[in-house]
Amino acid sequence: MNGVIGEILPSALGVAISPIPIIAAILMLLSPKARGTSVGFMIGWLLGIVVAVVVFTLLSAVIPAADPSASKPIAGVIKIILGLALLLLAWSQWRKRPHAGETAATPKWMSAIDSMKPAAALGLGFLLAAVNPKNLLMAVAGGLAIGGSGIAVGQQVIAIVIFVLIAACTVVIPVVAYLLASAKMAGPLDALRVWLLANNATIMTVLLLVIGVVLIGKGIADF
């Protein structure tokens, strides 16, 4: 069980540190309909992470079981492919980074957040968690680690809960903090939004690079 938790931590942290969902949540908290949209976004974010990691945990069961002492080439190949995909995404993020003197571009869909309704915010949160390629690849890695571990179903559920709590915390914590103390949170949240937007590409490049290398290393170790 401890080994599985250690293996899913990098992927869960990768989802948690992804700047775009955090920026989206902050923009909703600073919008006229802050409470409704932010709570909807948080629920969608949680649901998306749960669905993604559960689906890939179940799909990992189709990988043929192997003797614990034997090599696991199928799982190894999948991990290497995931790692290479993350490295490609890291390269893409690095190329998109703003150069000196440039202002980071804001995704166009963020301009619609002020007029967004809670149901739309929920859908956006789900899409960013379960469909966004960066987060989806990390959910695949997490599900593969949990489903291919051979631990009991109850322990798999615990591992999924831990993955979801870690992956979702960077959206859940600001939303809950705002709901508890909205007047005090506006300034710090806006400052965090500006910083994350300016450093989004760099953060994601480093994050994807590290997790990609880790996955490739684990894939090689499976042979």
C-alpha atoms as a PDB file:
ATOM      1  CA  MET A   1       0.000   0.000   0.000  1.00  0.00           C
ATOM      2  CA  ASN A   2       2.778   2.442   0.942  1.00  0.00           C
ATOM      3  CA  GLY A   3       4.538   1.682  -2.336  1.00  0.00           C
ATOM      4  CA  VAL A   4       1.404   2.525  -4.322  1.00  0.00           C
ATOM      5  CA  ILE A   5       0.925   5.814  -2.480  1.00  0.00           C
ATOM      6  CA  GLY A   6       4.535   6.717  -3.173  1.00  0.00           C
ATOM      7  CA  GLU A   7       4.047   5.901  -6.853  1.00  0.00           C
ATOM      8  CA  ILE A   8       0.900   7.998  -7.302  1.00  0.00           C
ATOM      9  CA  LEU A   9       2.196  11.066  -5.454  1.00  0.00           C
ATOM     10  CA  PRO A  10       4.079  12.622  -8.430  1.00  0.00           C
ATOM     11  CA  SER A  11       1.060  12.285 -10.729  1.00  0.00           C
ATOM     12  CA  ALA A  12      -1.365  13.621  -8.116  1.00  0.00           C
ATOM     13  CA  LEU A  13       0.914  16.582  -7.423  1.00  0.00           C
ATOM     14  CA  GLY A  14       1.200  17.130 -11.166  1.00  0.00           C
ATOM     15  CA  VAL A  15      -2.562  17.583 -11.417  1.00  0.00           C
ATOM     16  CA  ALA A  16      -2.645  19.746  -8.281  1.00  0.00           C
ATOM     17  CA  ILE A  17       0.061  22.163  -9.430  1.00  0.00           C
ATOM     18  CA  SER A  18      -1.418  22.671 -12.920  1.00  0.00           C
ATOM     19  CA  PRO A  19      -1.837  26.495 -12.997  1.00  0.00           C
ATOM     20  CA  ILE A  20      -4.746  26.888 -15.444  1.00  0.00           C
ATOM     21  CA  PRO A  21      -7.461  25.274 -13.230  1.00  0.00           C
ATOM     22  CA  ILE A  22      -6.204  27.282 -10.257  1.00  0.00           C
ATOM     23  CA  ILE A  23      -6.365  30.508 -12.278  1.00  0.00           C
ATOM     24  CA  ALA A  24      -9.886  29.605 -13.472  1.00  0.00           C
ATOM     25  CA  ALA A  25     -11.017  29.002  -9.882  1.00  0.00           C
ATOM     26  CA  ILE A  26      -9.507  32.314  -8.761  1.00  0.00           C
ATOM     27  CA  LEU A  27     -11.210  34.215 -11.602  1.00  0.00           C
ATOM     28  CA  MET A  28     -14.520  32.708 -10.549  1.00  0.00           C
ATOM     29  CA  LEU A  29     -13.891  33.739  -6.952  1.00  0.00           C
ATOM     30  CA  LEU A  30     -13.290  37.308  -8.161  1.00  0.00           C
ATOM     31  CA  SER A  31     -16.358  37.315 -10.440  1.00  0.00           C
ATOM     32  CA  PRO A  32     -19.838  38.745  -9.642  1.00  0.00           C
ATOM     33  CA  LYS A  33     -21.254  35.220  -9.197  1.00  0.00           C
ATOM     34  CA  ALA A  34     -18.337  34.002  -7.100  1.00  0.00           C
ATOM     35  CA  ARG A  35     -20.094  31.567  -4.786  1.00  0.00           C
ATOM     36  CA  GLY A  36     -22.194  29.713  -7.343  1.00  0.00           C
ATOM     37  CA  THR A  37     -19.581  29.414 -10.089  1.00  0.00           C
ATOM     38  CA  SER A  38     -16.663  28.565  -7.791  1.00  0.00           C
ATOM     39  CA  VAL A  39     -18.571  25.810  -6.006  1.00  0.00           C
ATOM     40  CA  GLY A  40     -19.777  24.431  -9.352  1.00  0.00           C
ATOM     41  CA  PHE A  41     -16.223  24.490 -10.703  1.00  0.00           C
ATOM     42  CA  MET A  42     -14.898  22.757  -7.587  1.00  0.00           C
ATOM     43  CA  ILE A  43     -17.500  19.988  -7.846  1.00  0.00           C
ATOM     44  CA  GLY A  44     -16.761  19.503 -11.563  1.00  0.00           C
ATOM     45  CA  TRP A  45     -13.007  19.421 -10.868  1.00  0.00           C
ATOM     46  CA  LEU A  46     -13.462  16.763  -8.178  1.00  0.00           C
ATOM     47  CA  LEU A  47     -15.780  14.670 -10.372  1.00  0.00           C
ATOM     48  CA  GLY A  48     -13.420  14.875 -13.334  1.00  0.00           C
ATOM     49  CA  ILE A  49     -10.450  13.662 -11.313  1.00  0.00           C
ATOM     50  CA  VAL A  50     -12.483  10.847  -9.768  1.00  0.00           C
ATOM     51  CA  VAL A  51     -13.840   9.657 -13.124  1.00  0.00           C
ATOM     52  CA  ALA A  52     -10.456   9.790 -14.842  1.00  0.00           C
ATOM     53  CA  VAL A  53      -8.485   7.928 -12.193  1.00  0.00           C
ATOM     54  CA  VAL A  54     -11.241   5.333 -11.580  1.00  0.00           C
ATOM     55  CA  VAL A  55     -11.635   4.607 -15.313  1.00  0.00           C
ATOM     56  CA  PHE A  56      -7.913   4.057 -15.796  1.00  0.00           C
ATOM     57  CA  THR A  57      -7.650   2.037 -12.600  1.00  0.00           C
ATOM     58  CA  LEU A  58     -10.318  -0.305 -13.993  1.00  0.00           C
ATOM     59  CA  LEU A  59      -8.752  -0.380 -17.468  1.00  0.00           C
ATOM     60  CA  SER A  60      -5.404  -1.356 -15.989  1.00  0.00           C
ATOM     61  CA  ALA A  61      -7.024  -4.676 -15.023  1.00  0.00           C
ATOM     62  CA  VAL A  62      -6.861  -5.740 -18.691  1.00  0.00           C
ATOM     63  CA  ILE A  63      -3.056  -5.799 -18.483  1.00  0.00           C
ATOM     64  CA  PRO A  64      -2.091  -9.448 -18.008  1.00  0.00           C
ATOM     65  CA  ALA A  65      -1.018 -10.247 -14.479  1.00  0.00           C
ATOM     66  CA  ALA A  66       2.596 -11.158 -14.046  1.00  0.00           C
ATOM     67  CA  ASP A  67       4.596 -13.015 -11.432  1.00  0.00           C
ATOM     68  CA  PRO A  68       5.869 -10.396  -8.951  1.00  0.00           C
ATOM     69  CA  SER A  69       9.396 -11.636  -9.533  1.00  0.00           C
ATOM     70  CA  ALA A  70       9.061 -11.435 -13.316  1.00  0.00           C
ATOM     71  CA  SER A  71       9.393  -8.441 -15.587  1.00  0.00           C
ATOM     72  CA  LYS A  72       6.235  -6.540 -16.593  1.00  0.00           C
ATOM     73  CA  PRO A  73       6.930  -5.401 -20.135  1.00  0.00           C
ATOM     74  CA  ILE A  74       3.363  -4.317 -20.993  1.00  0.00           C
ATOM     75  CA  ALA A  75       3.091  -1.969 -18.018  1.00  0.00           C
ATOM     76  CA  GLY A  76       6.638  -0.819 -18.714  1.00  0.00           C
ATOM     77  CA  VAL A  77       5.851   0.084 -22.323  1.00  0.00           C
ATOM     78  CA  ILE A  78       2.740   2.039 -21.253  1.00  0.00           C
ATOM     79  CA  LYS A  79       4.737   3.992 -18.678  1.00  0.00           C
ATOM     80  CA  ILE A  80       7.467   4.804 -21.196  1.00  0.00           C
ATOM     81  CA  ILE A  81       4.884   5.993 -23.740  1.00  0.00           C
ATOM     82  CA  LEU A  82       3.194   8.156 -21.090  1.00  0.00           C
ATOM     83  CA  GLY A  83       6.560   9.550 -20.057  1.00  0.00           C
ATOM     84  CA  LEU A  84       7.483  10.432 -23.643  1.00  0.00           C
ATOM     85  CA  ALA A  85       4.089  12.079 -24.148  1.00  0.00           C
ATOM     86  CA  LEU A  86       4.680  14.225 -21.070  1.00  0.00           C
ATOM     87  CA  LEU A  87       8.134  15.194 -22.343  1.00  0.00           C
ATOM     88  CA  LEU A  88       6.567  16.308 -25.638  1.00  0.00           C
ATOM     89  CA  LEU A  89       4.016  18.374 -23.725  1.00  0.00           C
ATOM     90  CA  ALA A  90       6.855  19.888 -21.663  1.00  0.00           C
ATOM     91  CA  TRP A  91       8.640  20.920 -24.874  1.00  0.00           C
ATOM     92  CA  SER A  92       5.408  22.419 -26.221  1.00  0.00           C
ATOM     93  CA  GLN A  93       4.862  24.398 -23.005  1.00  0.00           C
ATOM     94  CA  TRP A  94       8.434  25.704 -23.071  1.00  0.00           C
ATOM     95  CA  ARG A  95       8.056  26.943 -26.641  1.00  0.00           C
ATOM     96  CA  LYS A  96       4.868  28.809 -25.674  1.00  0.00           C
ATOM     97  CA  ARG A  97       6.443  30.650 -22.742  1.00  0.00           C
ATOM     98  CA  PRO A  98       6.354  34.472 -22.906  1.00  0.00           C
ATOM     99  CA  HIS A  99       9.761  35.992 -23.633  1.00  0.00           C
ATOM    100  CA  ALA A 100      11.295  38.929 -21.776  1.00  0.00           C
ATOM    101  CA  GLY A 101       9.021  41.948 -21.952  1.00  0.00           C
ATOM    102  CA  GLU A 102       6.023  39.961 -23.212  1.00  0.00           C
ATOM    103  CA  THR A 103       2.774  39.543 -21.315  1.00  0.00           C
ATOM    104  CA  ALA A 104       1.447  36.026 -20.897  1.00  0.00           C
ATOM    105  CA  ALA A 105      -1.644  35.438 -23.044  1.00  0.00           C
ATOM    106  CA  THR A 106      -4.882  34.697 -21.211  1.00  0.00           C
ATOM    107  CA  PRO A 107      -6.923  31.793 -22.659  1.00  0.00           C
ATOM    108  CA  LYS A 108      -9.958  33.202 -24.500  1.00  0.00           C
ATOM    109  CA  TRP A 109     -12.456  31.104 -22.575  1.00  0.00           C
ATOM    110  CA  MET A 110     -11.435  32.846 -19.352  1.00  0.00           C
ATOM    111  CA  SER A 111     -13.014  36.080 -20.577  1.00  0.00           C
ATOM    112  CA  ALA A 112     -16.438  34.411 -20.306  1.00  0.00           C
ATOM    113  CA  ILE A 113     -16.045  33.496 -16.633  1.00  0.00           C
ATOM    114  CA  ASP A 114     -17.748  36.668 -15.322  1.00  0.00           C
ATOM    115  CA  SER A 115     -20.997  35.691 -17.060  1.00  0.00           C
ATOM    116  CA  MET A 116     -20.676  31.944 -16.477  1.00  0.00           C
ATOM    117  CA  LYS A 117     -23.419  30.041 -14.676  1.00  0.00           C
ATOM    118  CA  PRO A 118     -22.773  27.344 -12.038  1.00  0.00           C
ATOM    119  CA  ALA A 119     -23.709  24.479 -14.403  1.00  0.00           C
ATOM    120  CA  ALA A 120     -21.271  25.757 -17.037  1.00  0.00           C
ATOM    121  CA  ALA A 121     -18.584  26.152 -14.355  1.00  0.00           C
ATOM    122  CA  LEU A 122     -19.172  22.554 -13.279  1.00  0.00           C
ATOM    123  CA  GLY A 123     -18.762  21.373 -16.871  1.00  0.00           C
ATOM    124  CA  LEU A 124     -15.587  23.426 -17.290  1.00  0.00           C
ATOM    125  CA  GLY A 125     -14.106  21.969 -14.105  1.00  0.00           C
ATOM    126  CA  PHE A 126     -14.885  18.448 -15.302  1.00  0.00           C
ATOM    127  CA  LEU A 127     -13.325  19.064 -18.726  1.00  0.00           C
ATOM    128  CA  LEU A 128     -10.154  20.565 -17.284  1.00  0.00           C
ATOM    129  CA  ALA A 129      -9.765  17.580 -14.946  1.00  0.00           C
ATOM    130  CA  ALA A 130     -10.806  14.650 -17.130  1.00  0.00           C
ATOM    131  CA  VAL A 131     -10.236  15.764 -20.734  1.00  0.00           C
ATOM    132  CA  ASN A 132      -7.304  18.192 -20.600  1.00  0.00           C
ATOM    133  CA  PRO A 133      -4.367  16.197 -22.101  1.00  0.00           C
ATOM    134  CA  LYS A 134      -1.858  17.145 -19.382  1.00  0.00           C
ATOM    135  CA  ASN A 135      -4.097  16.134 -16.485  1.00  0.00           C
ATOM    136  CA  LEU A 136      -5.460  13.122 -18.358  1.00  0.00           C
ATOM    137  CA  LEU A 137      -1.965  11.677 -18.854  1.00  0.00           C
ATOM    138  CA  MET A 138      -1.252  12.070 -15.150  1.00  0.00           C
ATOM    139  CA  ALA A 139      -4.577  10.418 -14.285  1.00  0.00           C
ATOM    140  CA  VAL A 140      -3.596   7.539 -16.585  1.00  0.00           C
ATOM    141  CA  ALA A 141      -0.305   7.194 -14.717  1.00  0.00           C
ATOM    142  CA  GLY A 142      -2.107   7.256 -11.365  1.00  0.00           C
ATOM    143  CA  GLY A 143      -4.742   4.745 -12.442  1.00  0.00           C
ATOM    144  CA  LEU A 144      -2.106   2.432 -13.902  1.00  0.00           C
ATOM    145  CA  ALA A 145      -0.132   2.523 -10.650  1.00  0.00           C
ATOM    146  CA  ILE A 146      -3.214   1.762  -8.537  1.00  0.00           C
ATOM    147  CA  GLY A 147      -4.886  -0.829 -10.764  1.00  0.00           C
ATOM    148  CA  GLY A 148      -1.683  -2.658 -11.626  1.00  0.00           C
ATOM    149  CA  SER A 149      -0.425  -2.839  -8.054  1.00  0.00           C
ATOM    150  CA  GLY A 150      -2.253  -6.045  -7.121  1.00  0.00           C
ATOM    151  CA  ILE A 151      -3.525  -4.612  -3.824  1.00  0.00           C
ATOM    152  CA  ALA A 152      -7.020  -5.392  -2.502  1.00  0.00           C
ATOM    153  CA  VAL A 153     -10.051  -3.459  -3.759  1.00  0.00           C
ATOM    154  CA  GLY A 154     -10.461  -1.654  -0.434  1.00  0.00           C
ATOM    155  CA  GLN A 155      -6.852  -0.482  -0.569  1.00  0.00           C
ATOM    156  CA  GLN A 156      -7.350   0.642  -4.174  1.00  0.00           C
ATOM    157  CA  VAL A 157     -10.281   2.788  -3.040  1.00  0.00           C
ATOM    158  CA  ILE A 158      -8.120   4.359  -0.335  1.00  0.00           C
ATOM    159  CA  ALA A 159      -5.371   5.032  -2.892  1.00  0.00           C
ATOM    160  CA  ILE A 160      -7.903   6.661  -5.246  1.00  0.00           C
ATOM    161  CA  VAL A 161      -9.218   8.868  -2.424  1.00  0.00           C
ATOM    162  CA  ILE A 162      -5.659   9.947  -1.565  1.00  0.00           C
ATOM    163  CA  PHE A 163      -4.950  10.699  -5.238  1.00  0.00           C
ATOM    164  CA  VAL A 164      -8.138  12.773  -5.567  1.00  0.00           C
ATOM    165  CA  LEU A 165      -7.563  14.713  -2.339  1.00  0.00           C
ATOM    166  CA  ILE A 166      -4.023  15.662  -3.331  1.00  0.00           C
ATOM    167  CA  ALA A 167      -4.898  16.403  -6.969  1.00  0.00           C
ATOM    168  CA  ALA A 168      -7.922  18.549  -6.095  1.00  0.00           C
ATOM    169  CA  CYS A 169      -6.545  20.430  -3.078  1.00  0.00           C
ATOM    170  CA  THR A 170      -5.231  23.470  -4.960  1.00  0.00           C
ATOM    171  CA  VAL A 171      -8.736  24.221  -6.257  1.00  0.00           C
ATOM    172  CA  VAL A 172     -10.690  23.106  -3.191  1.00  0.00           C
ATOM    173  CA  ILE A 173      -8.612  25.055  -0.642  1.00  0.00           C
ATOM    174  CA  PRO A 174      -8.973  28.522  -2.284  1.00  0.00           C
ATOM    175  CA  VAL A 175     -12.716  27.999  -2.834  1.00  0.00           C
ATOM    176  CA  VAL A 176     -13.341  26.886   0.764  1.00  0.00           C
ATOM    177  CA  ALA A 177     -11.110  29.668   2.137  1.00  0.00           C
ATOM    178  CA  TYR A 178     -13.009  32.250   0.093  1.00  0.00           C
ATOM    179  CA  LEU A 179     -16.372  30.956   1.275  1.00  0.00           C
ATOM    180  CA  LEU A 180     -15.173  31.275   4.880  1.00  0.00           C
ATOM    181  CA  ALA A 181     -13.440  34.657   4.576  1.00  0.00           C
ATOM    182  CA  SER A 182     -14.243  36.324   1.252  1.00  0.00           C
ATOM    183  CA  ALA A 183     -13.264  39.858   2.270  1.00  0.00           C
ATOM    184  CA  LYS A 184      -9.732  38.881   3.282  1.00  0.00           C
ATOM    185  CA  MET A 185      -9.045  36.574   0.315  1.00  0.00           C
ATOM    186  CA  ALA A 186      -9.678  38.917  -2.650  1.00  0.00           C
ATOM    187  CA  GLY A 187      -6.264  40.634  -2.630  1.00  0.00           C
ATOM    188  CA  PRO A 188      -4.086  37.526  -2.132  1.00  0.00           C
ATOM    189  CA  LEU A 189      -6.082  35.567  -4.725  1.00  0.00           C
ATOM    190  CA  ASP A 190      -5.667  38.262  -7.381  1.00  0.00           C
ATOM    191  CA  ALA A 191      -1.907  38.462  -6.708  1.00  0.00           C
ATOM    192  CA  LEU A 192      -1.659  34.665  -7.004  1.00  0.00           C
ATOM    193  CA  ARG A 193      -3.619  34.753 -10.278  1.00  0.00           C
ATOM    194  CA  VAL A 194      -1.231  37.278 -11.817  1.00  0.00           C
ATOM    195  CA  TRP A 195       1.831  35.288 -10.742  1.00  0.00           C
ATOM    196  CA  LEU A 196       0.447  31.946 -11.989  1.00  0.00           C
ATOM    197  CA  LEU A 197      -0.543  33.417 -15.349  1.00  0.00           C
ATOM    198  CA  ALA A 198       2.922  34.911 -15.842  1.00  0.00           C
ATOM    199  CA  ASN A 199       4.693  31.670 -14.870  1.00  0.00           C
ATOM    200  CA  ASN A 200       2.240  29.074 -16.203  1.00  0.00           C
ATOM    201  CA  ALA A 201       4.468  27.820 -19.032  1.00  0.00           C
ATOM    202  CA  THR A 202       7.580  27.519 -16.860  1.00  0.00           C
ATOM    203  CA  ILE A 203       5.737  25.724 -14.050  1.00  0.00           C
ATOM    204  CA  MET A 204       4.149  23.229 -16.428  1.00  0.00           C
ATOM    205  CA  THR A 205       7.402  22.654 -18.335  1.00  0.00           C
ATOM    206  CA  VAL A 206       9.318  21.714 -15.181  1.00  0.00           C
ATOM    207  CA  LEU A 207       6.415  19.671 -13.827  1.00  0.00           C
ATOM    208  CA  LEU A 208       5.852  17.665 -17.013  1.00  0.00           C
ATOM    209  CA  LEU A 209       9.584  17.148 -17.500  1.00  0.00           C
ATOM    210  CA  VAL A 210      10.098  15.732 -14.013  1.00  0.00           C
ATOM    211  CA  ILE A 211       7.044  13.456 -14.090  1.00  0.00           C
ATOM    212  CA  GLY A 212       7.857  12.307 -17.633  1.00  0.00           C
ATOM    213  CA  VAL A 213      11.406  11.319 -16.665  1.00  0.00           C
ATOM    214  CA  VAL A 214      10.117   9.531 -13.547  1.00  0.00           C
ATOM    215  CA  LEU A 215       7.605   7.526 -15.617  1.00  0.00           C
ATOM    216  CA  ILE A 216      10.211   6.576 -18.208  1.00  0.00           C
ATOM    217  CA  GLY A 217      12.518   5.426 -15.417  1.00  0.00           C
ATOM    218  CA  LYS A 218       9.763   3.308 -13.855  1.00  0.00           C
ATOM    219  CA  GLY A 219       8.894   1.873 -17.270  1.00  0.00           C
ATOM    220  CA  ILE A 220      12.494   0.821 -17.887  1.00  0.00           C
ATOM    221  CA  ALA A 221      12.598  -0.744 -14.417  1.00  0.00           C
ATOM    222  CA  ASP A 222       9.626  -2.957 -15.332  1.00  0.00           C
ATOM    223  CA  PHE A 223      11.666  -4.811 -17.979  1.00  0.00           C
END
